[in-house]
Each structure stands twice: as structure tokens, then as C-alpha cells.
mmCIF file of all heavy atoms, coordinates in Angstrom:
data_MODEL
# 
_entry.id   MODEL 
# 
loop_
_atom_site.group_PDB 
_atom_site.id 
_atom_site.type_symbol 
_atom_site.label_atom_id 
_atom_site.label_alt_id 
_atom_site.label_comp_id 
_atom_site.label_asym_id 
_atom_site.label_entity_id 
_atom_site.label_seq_id 
_atom_site.pdbx_PDB_ins_code 
_atom_site.Cartn_x 
_atom_site.Cartn_y 
_atom_site.Cartn_z 
_atom_site.occupancy 
_atom_site.B_iso_or_equiv 
_atom_site.pdbx_formal_charge 
_atom_site.auth_seq_id 
_atom_site.auth_comp_id 
_atom_site.auth_asym_id 
_atom_site.auth_atom_id 
_atom_site.pdbx_PDB_model_num 
ATOM 1   N N   . THR A 1 1  ? -15.928 -280.679 -63.268 1.00 0.00 ? 1  THR A N   1 
ATOM 2   C CA  . THR A 1 1  ? -15.668 -282.094 -63.147 1.00 0.00 ? 1  THR A CA  1 
ATOM 3   C C   . THR A 1 1  ? -14.334 -282.523 -63.695 1.00 0.00 ? 1  THR A C   1 
ATOM 4   O O   . THR A 1 1  ? -13.615 -283.288 -63.208 1.00 0.00 ? 1  THR A O   1 
ATOM 5   C CB  . THR A 1 1  ? -16.851 -282.902 -63.691 1.00 0.00 ? 1  THR A CB  1 
ATOM 6   O OG1 . THR A 1 1  ? -18.072 -282.448 -63.074 1.00 0.00 ? 1  THR A OG1 1 
ATOM 7   C CG2 . THR A 1 1  ? -16.627 -284.361 -63.423 1.00 0.00 ? 1  THR A CG2 1 
ATOM 8   N N   . VAL A 1 2  ? -14.096 -282.058 -64.957 1.00 0.00 ? 2  VAL A N   1 
ATOM 9   C CA  . VAL A 1 2  ? -12.829 -282.380 -65.642 1.00 0.00 ? 2  VAL A CA  1 
ATOM 10  C C   . VAL A 1 2  ? -11.699 -281.830 -64.869 1.00 0.00 ? 2  VAL A C   1 
ATOM 11  O O   . VAL A 1 2  ? -10.681 -282.547 -64.643 1.00 0.00 ? 2  VAL A O   1 
ATOM 12  C CB  . VAL A 1 2  ? -12.834 -281.792 -67.049 1.00 0.00 ? 2  VAL A CB  1 
ATOM 13  C CG1 . VAL A 1 2  ? -11.487 -282.030 -67.650 1.00 0.00 ? 2  VAL A CG1 1 
ATOM 14  C CG2 . VAL A 1 2  ? -13.860 -282.445 -67.921 1.00 0.00 ? 2  VAL A CG2 1 
ATOM 15  N N   . LEU A 1 3  ? -11.891 -280.669 -64.174 1.00 0.00 ? 3  LEU A N   1 
ATOM 16  C CA  . LEU A 1 3  ? -10.722 -280.177 -63.327 1.00 0.00 ? 3  LEU A CA  1 
ATOM 17  C C   . LEU A 1 3  ? -10.480 -281.048 -62.117 1.00 0.00 ? 3  LEU A C   1 
ATOM 18  O O   . LEU A 1 3  ? -9.272  -281.389 -61.779 1.00 0.00 ? 3  LEU A O   1 
ATOM 19  C CB  . LEU A 1 3  ? -11.065 -278.778 -62.867 1.00 0.00 ? 3  LEU A CB  1 
ATOM 20  C CG  . LEU A 1 3  ? -10.935 -277.612 -63.852 1.00 0.00 ? 3  LEU A CG  1 
ATOM 21  C CD1 . LEU A 1 3  ? -11.361 -276.312 -63.288 1.00 0.00 ? 3  LEU A CD1 1 
ATOM 22  C CD2 . LEU A 1 3  ? -9.557  -277.495 -64.450 1.00 0.00 ? 3  LEU A CD2 1 
ATOM 23  N N   . ARG A 1 4  ? -11.479 -281.551 -61.628 1.00 0.00 ? 4  ARG A N   1 
ATOM 24  C CA  . ARG A 1 4  ? -11.373 -282.446 -60.386 1.00 0.00 ? 4  ARG A CA  1 
ATOM 25  C C   . ARG A 1 4  ? -10.637 -283.792 -60.850 1.00 0.00 ? 4  ARG A C   1 
ATOM 26  O O   . ARG A 1 4  ? -9.801  -284.211 -60.098 1.00 0.00 ? 4  ARG A O   1 
ATOM 27  C CB  . ARG A 1 4  ? -12.783 -282.818 -59.904 1.00 0.00 ? 4  ARG A CB  1 
ATOM 28  C CG  . ARG A 1 4  ? -12.745 -283.790 -58.753 1.00 0.00 ? 4  ARG A CG  1 
ATOM 29  C CD  . ARG A 1 4  ? -12.104 -283.217 -57.503 1.00 0.00 ? 4  ARG A CD  1 
ATOM 30  N NE  . ARG A 1 4  ? -12.560 -281.820 -57.121 1.00 0.00 ? 4  ARG A NE  1 
ATOM 31  C CZ  . ARG A 1 4  ? -12.060 -281.144 -56.336 1.00 0.00 ? 4  ARG A CZ  1 
ATOM 32  N NH1 . ARG A 1 4  ? -10.893 -281.395 -55.744 1.00 0.00 ? 4  ARG A NH1 1 
ATOM 33  N NH2 . ARG A 1 4  ? -12.562 -279.899 -56.012 1.00 0.00 ? 4  ARG A NH2 1 
ATOM 34  N N   . VAL A 1 5  ? -10.840 -284.310 -62.010 1.00 0.00 ? 5  VAL A N   1 
ATOM 35  C CA  . VAL A 1 5  ? -10.262 -285.387 -62.493 1.00 0.00 ? 5  VAL A CA  1 
ATOM 36  C C   . VAL A 1 5  ? -8.744  -285.158 -62.657 1.00 0.00 ? 5  VAL A C   1 
ATOM 37  O O   . VAL A 1 5  ? -7.893  -285.930 -62.244 1.00 0.00 ? 5  VAL A O   1 
ATOM 38  C CB  . VAL A 1 5  ? -10.859 -285.955 -63.818 1.00 0.00 ? 5  VAL A CB  1 
ATOM 39  C CG1 . VAL A 1 5  ? -10.069 -287.055 -64.334 1.00 0.00 ? 5  VAL A CG1 1 
ATOM 40  C CG2 . VAL A 1 5  ? -12.342 -286.339 -63.549 1.00 0.00 ? 5  VAL A CG2 1 
ATOM 41  N N   . LEU A 1 6  ? -8.480  -284.040 -63.306 1.00 0.00 ? 6  LEU A N   1 
ATOM 42  C CA  . LEU A 1 6  ? -7.055  -283.749 -63.646 1.00 0.00 ? 6  LEU A CA  1 
ATOM 43  C C   . LEU A 1 6  ? -6.247  -283.484 -62.460 1.00 0.00 ? 6  LEU A C   1 
ATOM 44  O O   . LEU A 1 6  ? -5.126  -283.896 -62.330 1.00 0.00 ? 6  LEU A O   1 
ATOM 45  C CB  . LEU A 1 6  ? -7.039  -282.432 -64.559 1.00 0.00 ? 6  LEU A CB  1 
ATOM 46  C CG  . LEU A 1 6  ? -7.500  -282.700 -66.082 1.00 0.00 ? 6  LEU A CG  1 
ATOM 47  C CD1 . LEU A 1 6  ? -7.594  -281.345 -66.636 1.00 0.00 ? 6  LEU A CD1 1 
ATOM 48  C CD2 . LEU A 1 6  ? -6.451  -283.472 -66.767 1.00 0.00 ? 6  LEU A CD2 1 
ATOM 49  N N   . TYR A 1 7  ? -6.913  -282.945 -61.415 1.00 0.00 ? 7  TYR A N   1 
ATOM 50  C CA  . TYR A 1 7  ? -6.314  -282.643 -60.086 1.00 0.00 ? 7  TYR A CA  1 
ATOM 51  C C   . TYR A 1 7  ? -5.979  -283.975 -59.392 1.00 0.00 ? 7  TYR A C   1 
ATOM 52  O O   . TYR A 1 7  ? -4.863  -284.118 -58.939 1.00 0.00 ? 7  TYR A O   1 
ATOM 53  C CB  . TYR A 1 7  ? -7.272  -281.892 -59.211 1.00 0.00 ? 7  TYR A CB  1 
ATOM 54  C CG  . TYR A 1 7  ? -6.887  -281.649 -57.735 1.00 0.00 ? 7  TYR A CG  1 
ATOM 55  C CD1 . TYR A 1 7  ? -5.662  -280.838 -57.526 1.00 0.00 ? 7  TYR A CD1 1 
ATOM 56  C CD2 . TYR A 1 7  ? -7.507  -282.224 -56.721 1.00 0.00 ? 7  TYR A CD2 1 
ATOM 57  C CE1 . TYR A 1 7  ? -5.236  -280.558 -56.154 1.00 0.00 ? 7  TYR A CE1 1 
ATOM 58  C CE2 . TYR A 1 7  ? -7.078  -281.941 -55.437 1.00 0.00 ? 7  TYR A CE2 1 
ATOM 59  C CZ  . TYR A 1 7  ? -6.047  -281.240 -55.096 1.00 0.00 ? 7  TYR A CZ  1 
ATOM 60  O OH  . TYR A 1 7  ? -5.574  -280.937 -53.885 1.00 0.00 ? 7  TYR A OH  1 
ATOM 61  N N   . LEU A 1 8  ? -6.800  -284.926 -59.430 1.00 0.00 ? 8  LEU A N   1 
ATOM 62  C CA  . LEU A 1 8  ? -6.525  -286.223 -58.784 1.00 0.00 ? 8  LEU A CA  1 
ATOM 63  C C   . LEU A 1 8  ? -5.451  -287.032 -59.511 1.00 0.00 ? 8  LEU A C   1 
ATOM 64  O O   . LEU A 1 8  ? -4.727  -287.675 -58.921 1.00 0.00 ? 8  LEU A O   1 
ATOM 65  C CB  . LEU A 1 8  ? -7.897  -286.952 -58.631 1.00 0.00 ? 8  LEU A CB  1 
ATOM 66  C CG  . LEU A 1 8  ? -8.971  -286.456 -57.643 1.00 0.00 ? 8  LEU A CG  1 
ATOM 67  C CD1 . LEU A 1 8  ? -10.125 -287.281 -57.659 1.00 0.00 ? 8  LEU A CD1 1 
ATOM 68  C CD2 . LEU A 1 8  ? -8.290  -286.536 -56.166 1.00 0.00 ? 8  LEU A CD2 1 
ATOM 69  N N   . VAL A 1 9  ? -5.610  -286.995 -60.861 1.00 0.00 ? 9  VAL A N   1 
ATOM 70  C CA  . VAL A 1 9  ? -4.599  -287.616 -61.669 1.00 0.00 ? 9  VAL A CA  1 
ATOM 71  C C   . VAL A 1 9  ? -3.114  -287.047 -61.387 1.00 0.00 ? 9  VAL A C   1 
ATOM 72  O O   . VAL A 1 9  ? -2.235  -287.755 -61.217 1.00 0.00 ? 9  VAL A O   1 
ATOM 73  C CB  . VAL A 1 9  ? -4.874  -287.566 -63.157 1.00 0.00 ? 9  VAL A CB  1 
ATOM 74  C CG1 . VAL A 1 9  ? -3.748  -288.018 -64.015 1.00 0.00 ? 9  VAL A CG1 1 
ATOM 75  C CG2 . VAL A 1 9  ? -6.090  -288.329 -63.513 1.00 0.00 ? 9  VAL A CG2 1 
ATOM 76  N N   . PHE A 1 10 ? -2.996  -285.706 -61.249 1.00 0.00 ? 10 PHE A N   1 
ATOM 77  C CA  . PHE A 1 10 ? -1.778  -285.119 -60.962 1.00 0.00 ? 10 PHE A CA  1 
ATOM 78  C C   . PHE A 1 10 ? -1.339  -285.566 -59.586 1.00 0.00 ? 10 PHE A C   1 
ATOM 79  O O   . PHE A 1 10 ? -0.066  -285.841 -59.445 1.00 0.00 ? 10 PHE A O   1 
ATOM 80  C CB  . PHE A 1 10 ? -1.922  -283.587 -61.044 1.00 0.00 ? 10 PHE A CB  1 
ATOM 81  C CG  . PHE A 1 10 ? -0.662  -282.952 -60.669 1.00 0.00 ? 10 PHE A CG  1 
ATOM 82  C CD1 . PHE A 1 10 ? 0.398   -282.757 -61.617 1.00 0.00 ? 10 PHE A CD1 1 
ATOM 83  C CD2 . PHE A 1 10 ? -0.510  -282.439 -59.419 1.00 0.00 ? 10 PHE A CD2 1 
ATOM 84  C CE1 . PHE A 1 10 ? 1.519   -282.044 -61.188 1.00 0.00 ? 10 PHE A CE1 1 
ATOM 85  C CE2 . PHE A 1 10 ? 0.701   -281.794 -58.881 1.00 0.00 ? 10 PHE A CE2 1 
ATOM 86  C CZ  . PHE A 1 10 ? 1.656   -281.575 -59.926 1.00 0.00 ? 10 PHE A CZ  1 
ATOM 87  N N   . ASN A 1 11 ? -2.193  -285.480 -58.637 1.00 0.00 ? 11 ASN A N   1 
ATOM 88  C CA  . ASN A 1 11 ? -1.773  -285.990 -57.255 1.00 0.00 ? 11 ASN A CA  1 
ATOM 89  C C   . ASN A 1 11 ? -1.261  -287.403 -57.289 1.00 0.00 ? 11 ASN A C   1 
ATOM 90  O O   . ASN A 1 11 ? -0.341  -287.628 -56.582 1.00 0.00 ? 11 ASN A O   1 
ATOM 91  C CB  . ASN A 1 11 ? -3.021  -285.879 -56.362 1.00 0.00 ? 11 ASN A CB  1 
ATOM 92  C CG  . ASN A 1 11 ? -3.132  -284.369 -55.895 1.00 0.00 ? 11 ASN A CG  1 
ATOM 93  O OD1 . ASN A 1 11 ? -2.306  -283.573 -56.012 1.00 0.00 ? 11 ASN A OD1 1 
ATOM 94  N ND2 . ASN A 1 11 ? -4.413  -284.183 -55.349 1.00 0.00 ? 11 ASN A ND2 1 
ATOM 95  N N   . GLU A 1 12 ? -1.883  -288.293 -57.974 1.00 0.00 ? 12 GLU A N   1 
ATOM 96  C CA  . GLU A 1 12 ? -1.422  -289.650 -57.991 1.00 0.00 ? 12 GLU A CA  1 
ATOM 97  C C   . GLU A 1 12 ? -0.084  -289.733 -58.712 1.00 0.00 ? 12 GLU A C   1 
ATOM 98  O O   . GLU A 1 12 ? 0.878   -290.474 -58.311 1.00 0.00 ? 12 GLU A O   1 
ATOM 99  C CB  . GLU A 1 12 ? -2.452  -290.568 -58.747 1.00 0.00 ? 12 GLU A CB  1 
ATOM 100 C CG  . GLU A 1 12 ? -2.097  -292.015 -58.577 1.00 0.00 ? 12 GLU A CG  1 
ATOM 101 C CD  . GLU A 1 12 ? -2.119  -292.540 -57.179 1.00 0.00 ? 12 GLU A CD  1 
ATOM 102 O OE1 . GLU A 1 12 ? -3.023  -292.145 -56.342 1.00 0.00 ? 12 GLU A OE1 1 
ATOM 103 O OE2 . GLU A 1 12 ? -1.153  -293.244 -56.871 1.00 0.00 ? 12 GLU A OE2 1 
ATOM 104 N N   . GLY A 1 13 ? 0.172   -288.948 -59.722 1.00 0.00 ? 13 GLY A N   1 
ATOM 105 C CA  . GLY A 1 13 ? 1.386   -288.953 -60.446 1.00 0.00 ? 13 GLY A CA  1 
ATOM 106 C C   . GLY A 1 13 ? 2.495   -288.316 -59.653 1.00 0.00 ? 13 GLY A C   1 
ATOM 107 O O   . GLY A 1 13 ? 3.665   -288.633 -59.643 1.00 0.00 ? 13 GLY A O   1 
ATOM 108 N N   . TYR A 1 14 ? 2.129   -287.336 -58.736 1.00 0.00 ? 14 TYR A N   1 
ATOM 109 C CA  . TYR A 1 14 ? 3.051   -286.658 -57.981 1.00 0.00 ? 14 TYR A CA  1 
ATOM 110 C C   . TYR A 1 14 ? 3.572   -287.341 -56.752 1.00 0.00 ? 14 TYR A C   1 
ATOM 111 O O   . TYR A 1 14 ? 4.638   -287.308 -56.439 1.00 0.00 ? 14 TYR A O   1 
ATOM 112 C CB  . TYR A 1 14 ? 2.419   -285.256 -57.529 1.00 0.00 ? 14 TYR A CB  1 
ATOM 113 C CG  . TYR A 1 14 ? 3.405   -284.351 -56.772 1.00 0.00 ? 14 TYR A CG  1 
ATOM 114 C CD1 . TYR A 1 14 ? 4.413   -283.712 -57.501 1.00 0.00 ? 14 TYR A CD1 1 
ATOM 115 C CD2 . TYR A 1 14 ? 3.196   -283.977 -55.520 1.00 0.00 ? 14 TYR A CD2 1 
ATOM 116 C CE1 . TYR A 1 14 ? 5.261   -282.836 -56.861 1.00 0.00 ? 14 TYR A CE1 1 
ATOM 117 C CE2 . TYR A 1 14 ? 4.081   -283.083 -54.884 1.00 0.00 ? 14 TYR A CE2 1 
ATOM 118 C CZ  . TYR A 1 14 ? 5.068   -282.525 -55.591 1.00 0.00 ? 14 TYR A CZ  1 
ATOM 119 O OH  . TYR A 1 14 ? 5.896   -281.624 -54.954 1.00 0.00 ? 14 TYR A OH  1 
ATOM 120 N N   . SER A 1 15 ? 2.639   -288.189 -56.178 1.00 0.00 ? 15 SER A N   1 
ATOM 121 C CA  . SER A 1 15 ? 2.920   -288.789 -54.932 1.00 0.00 ? 15 SER A CA  1 
ATOM 122 C C   . SER A 1 15 ? 2.821   -290.246 -54.900 1.00 0.00 ? 15 SER A C   1 
ATOM 123 O O   . SER A 1 15 ? 3.328   -290.984 -54.071 1.00 0.00 ? 15 SER A O   1 
ATOM 124 C CB  . SER A 1 15 ? 2.208   -288.288 -53.741 1.00 0.00 ? 15 SER A CB  1 
ATOM 125 O OG  . SER A 1 15 ? 0.750   -288.592 -54.134 1.00 0.00 ? 15 SER A OG  1 
ATOM 126 N N   . GLY A 1 16 ? 2.262   -290.926 -56.016 1.00 0.00 ? 16 GLY A N   1 
ATOM 127 C CA  . GLY A 1 16 ? 2.076   -292.300 -56.010 1.00 0.00 ? 16 GLY A CA  1 
ATOM 128 C C   . GLY A 1 16 ? 3.063   -293.030 -56.794 1.00 0.00 ? 16 GLY A C   1 
ATOM 129 O O   . GLY A 1 16 ? 4.253   -292.554 -57.164 1.00 0.00 ? 16 GLY A O   1 
ATOM 130 N N   . ASP A 1 17 ? 2.728   -294.256 -57.289 1.00 0.00 ? 17 ASP A N   1 
ATOM 131 C CA  . ASP A 1 17 ? 3.609   -295.198 -57.901 1.00 0.00 ? 17 ASP A CA  1 
ATOM 132 C C   . ASP A 1 17 ? 3.310   -295.115 -59.406 1.00 0.00 ? 17 ASP A C   1 
ATOM 133 O O   . ASP A 1 17 ? 3.892   -295.897 -60.201 1.00 0.00 ? 17 ASP A O   1 
ATOM 134 C CB  . ASP A 1 17 ? 3.531   -296.609 -57.386 1.00 0.00 ? 17 ASP A CB  1 
ATOM 135 C CG  . ASP A 1 17 ? 2.142   -297.077 -57.412 1.00 0.00 ? 17 ASP A CG  1 
ATOM 136 O OD1 . ASP A 1 17 ? 1.247   -296.456 -57.847 1.00 0.00 ? 17 ASP A OD1 1 
ATOM 137 O OD2 . ASP A 1 17 ? 2.018   -298.300 -56.963 1.00 0.00 ? 17 ASP A OD2 1 
ATOM 138 N N   . VAL A 1 18 ? 2.507   -294.269 -59.947 1.00 0.00 ? 18 VAL A N   1 
ATOM 139 C CA  . VAL A 1 18 ? 2.108   -294.168 -61.353 1.00 0.00 ? 18 VAL A CA  1 
ATOM 140 C C   . VAL A 1 18 ? 2.481   -292.700 -61.748 1.00 0.00 ? 18 VAL A C   1 
ATOM 141 O O   . VAL A 1 18 ? 1.922   -291.730 -61.268 1.00 0.00 ? 18 VAL A O   1 
ATOM 142 C CB  . VAL A 1 18 ? 0.671   -294.443 -61.722 1.00 0.00 ? 18 VAL A CB  1 
ATOM 143 C CG1 . VAL A 1 18 ? 0.383   -294.311 -63.144 1.00 0.00 ? 18 VAL A CG1 1 
ATOM 144 C CG2 . VAL A 1 18 ? 0.343   -295.883 -61.230 1.00 0.00 ? 18 VAL A CG2 1 
ATOM 145 N N   . ASP A 1 19 ? 3.302   -292.590 -62.816 1.00 0.00 ? 19 ASP A N   1 
ATOM 146 C CA  . ASP A 1 19 ? 3.828   -291.284 -63.057 1.00 0.00 ? 19 ASP A CA  1 
ATOM 147 C C   . ASP A 1 19 ? 2.879   -290.570 -64.005 1.00 0.00 ? 19 ASP A C   1 
ATOM 148 O O   . ASP A 1 19 ? 3.000   -290.908 -65.366 1.00 0.00 ? 19 ASP A O   1 
ATOM 149 C CB  . ASP A 1 19 ? 5.257   -291.303 -63.756 1.00 0.00 ? 19 ASP A CB  1 
ATOM 150 C CG  . ASP A 1 19 ? 5.896   -289.957 -63.921 1.00 0.00 ? 19 ASP A CG  1 
ATOM 151 O OD1 . ASP A 1 19 ? 5.168   -288.959 -63.529 1.00 0.00 ? 19 ASP A OD1 1 
ATOM 152 O OD2 . ASP A 1 19 ? 6.985   -289.956 -64.402 1.00 0.00 ? 19 ASP A OD2 1 
ATOM 153 N N   . LEU A 1 20 ? 1.977   -289.832 -63.601 1.00 0.00 ? 20 LEU A N   1 
ATOM 154 C CA  . LEU A 1 20 ? 0.931   -289.125 -64.486 1.00 0.00 ? 20 LEU A CA  1 
ATOM 155 C C   . LEU A 1 20 ? 1.060   -287.731 -64.379 1.00 0.00 ? 20 LEU A C   1 
ATOM 156 O O   . LEU A 1 20 ? 0.173   -286.939 -64.993 1.00 0.00 ? 20 LEU A O   1 
ATOM 157 C CB  . LEU A 1 20 ? -0.396  -289.707 -63.971 1.00 0.00 ? 20 LEU A CB  1 
ATOM 158 C CG  . LEU A 1 20 ? -0.744  -291.069 -64.155 1.00 0.00 ? 20 LEU A CG  1 
ATOM 159 C CD1 . LEU A 1 20 ? -2.039  -291.420 -63.459 1.00 0.00 ? 20 LEU A CD1 1 
ATOM 160 C CD2 . LEU A 1 20 ? -0.923  -291.491 -65.571 1.00 0.00 ? 20 LEU A CD2 1 
ATOM 161 N N   . ALA A 1 21 ? 1.987   -287.122 -63.639 1.00 0.00 ? 21 ALA A N   1 
ATOM 162 C CA  . ALA A 1 21 ? 1.921   -285.757 -63.447 1.00 0.00 ? 21 ALA A CA  1 
ATOM 163 C C   . ALA A 1 21 ? 2.213   -284.883 -64.665 1.00 0.00 ? 21 ALA A C   1 
ATOM 164 O O   . ALA A 1 21 ? 1.422   -283.885 -64.994 1.00 0.00 ? 21 ALA A O   1 
ATOM 165 C CB  . ALA A 1 21 ? 3.091   -285.296 -62.369 1.00 0.00 ? 21 ALA A CB  1 
ATOM 166 N N   . ALA A 1 22 ? 3.149   -285.280 -65.545 1.00 0.00 ? 22 ALA A N   1 
ATOM 167 C CA  . ALA A 1 22 ? 3.383   -284.505 -66.797 1.00 0.00 ? 22 ALA A CA  1 
ATOM 168 C C   . ALA A 1 22 ? 2.267   -284.609 -67.710 1.00 0.00 ? 22 ALA A C   1 
ATOM 169 O O   . ALA A 1 22 ? 1.865   -283.589 -68.312 1.00 0.00 ? 22 ALA A O   1 
ATOM 170 C CB  . ALA A 1 22 ? 4.682   -285.087 -67.456 1.00 0.00 ? 22 ALA A CB  1 
ATOM 171 N N   . GLU A 1 23 ? 1.569   -285.777 -67.719 1.00 0.00 ? 23 GLU A N   1 
ATOM 172 C CA  . GLU A 1 23 ? 0.452   -285.869 -68.543 1.00 0.00 ? 23 GLU A CA  1 
ATOM 173 C C   . GLU A 1 23 ? -0.710  -284.998 -68.046 1.00 0.00 ? 23 GLU A C   1 
ATOM 174 O O   . GLU A 1 23 ? -1.494  -284.357 -68.837 1.00 0.00 ? 23 GLU A O   1 
ATOM 175 C CB  . GLU A 1 23 ? -0.047  -287.372 -68.631 1.00 0.00 ? 23 GLU A CB  1 
ATOM 176 C CG  . GLU A 1 23 ? -1.384  -287.662 -69.335 1.00 0.00 ? 23 GLU A CG  1 
ATOM 177 C CD  . GLU A 1 23 ? -1.315  -287.542 -70.780 1.00 0.00 ? 23 GLU A CD  1 
ATOM 178 O OE1 . GLU A 1 23 ? -0.156  -287.022 -71.326 1.00 0.00 ? 23 GLU A OE1 1 
ATOM 179 O OE2 . GLU A 1 23 ? -2.198  -287.894 -71.424 1.00 0.00 ? 23 GLU A OE2 1 
ATOM 180 N N   . ALA A 1 24 ? -0.782  -284.876 -66.798 1.00 0.00 ? 24 ALA A N   1 
ATOM 181 C CA  . ALA A 1 24 ? -1.904  -284.014 -66.246 1.00 0.00 ? 24 ALA A CA  1 
ATOM 182 C C   . ALA A 1 24 ? -1.600  -282.511 -66.495 1.00 0.00 ? 24 ALA A C   1 
ATOM 183 O O   . ALA A 1 24 ? -2.588  -281.812 -66.938 1.00 0.00 ? 24 ALA A O   1 
ATOM 184 C CB  . ALA A 1 24 ? -2.095  -284.237 -64.768 1.00 0.00 ? 24 ALA A CB  1 
# 
């Protein structure tokens, strides 16, 4: 479950308007 969360956070940081990729 934690992996699924980290994956979605990274995707939002990678393609969205909130930079979360490095944190993920």
C-alpha cells in the first residue's frame, strides 16, 4: 500500500503542477 502511495505521489510530481517527484 505504501508503494502505491509513493507511486501516485511521484506521478503527480512528475506530470502535474505540484513538484513531489524528488520527495517521492
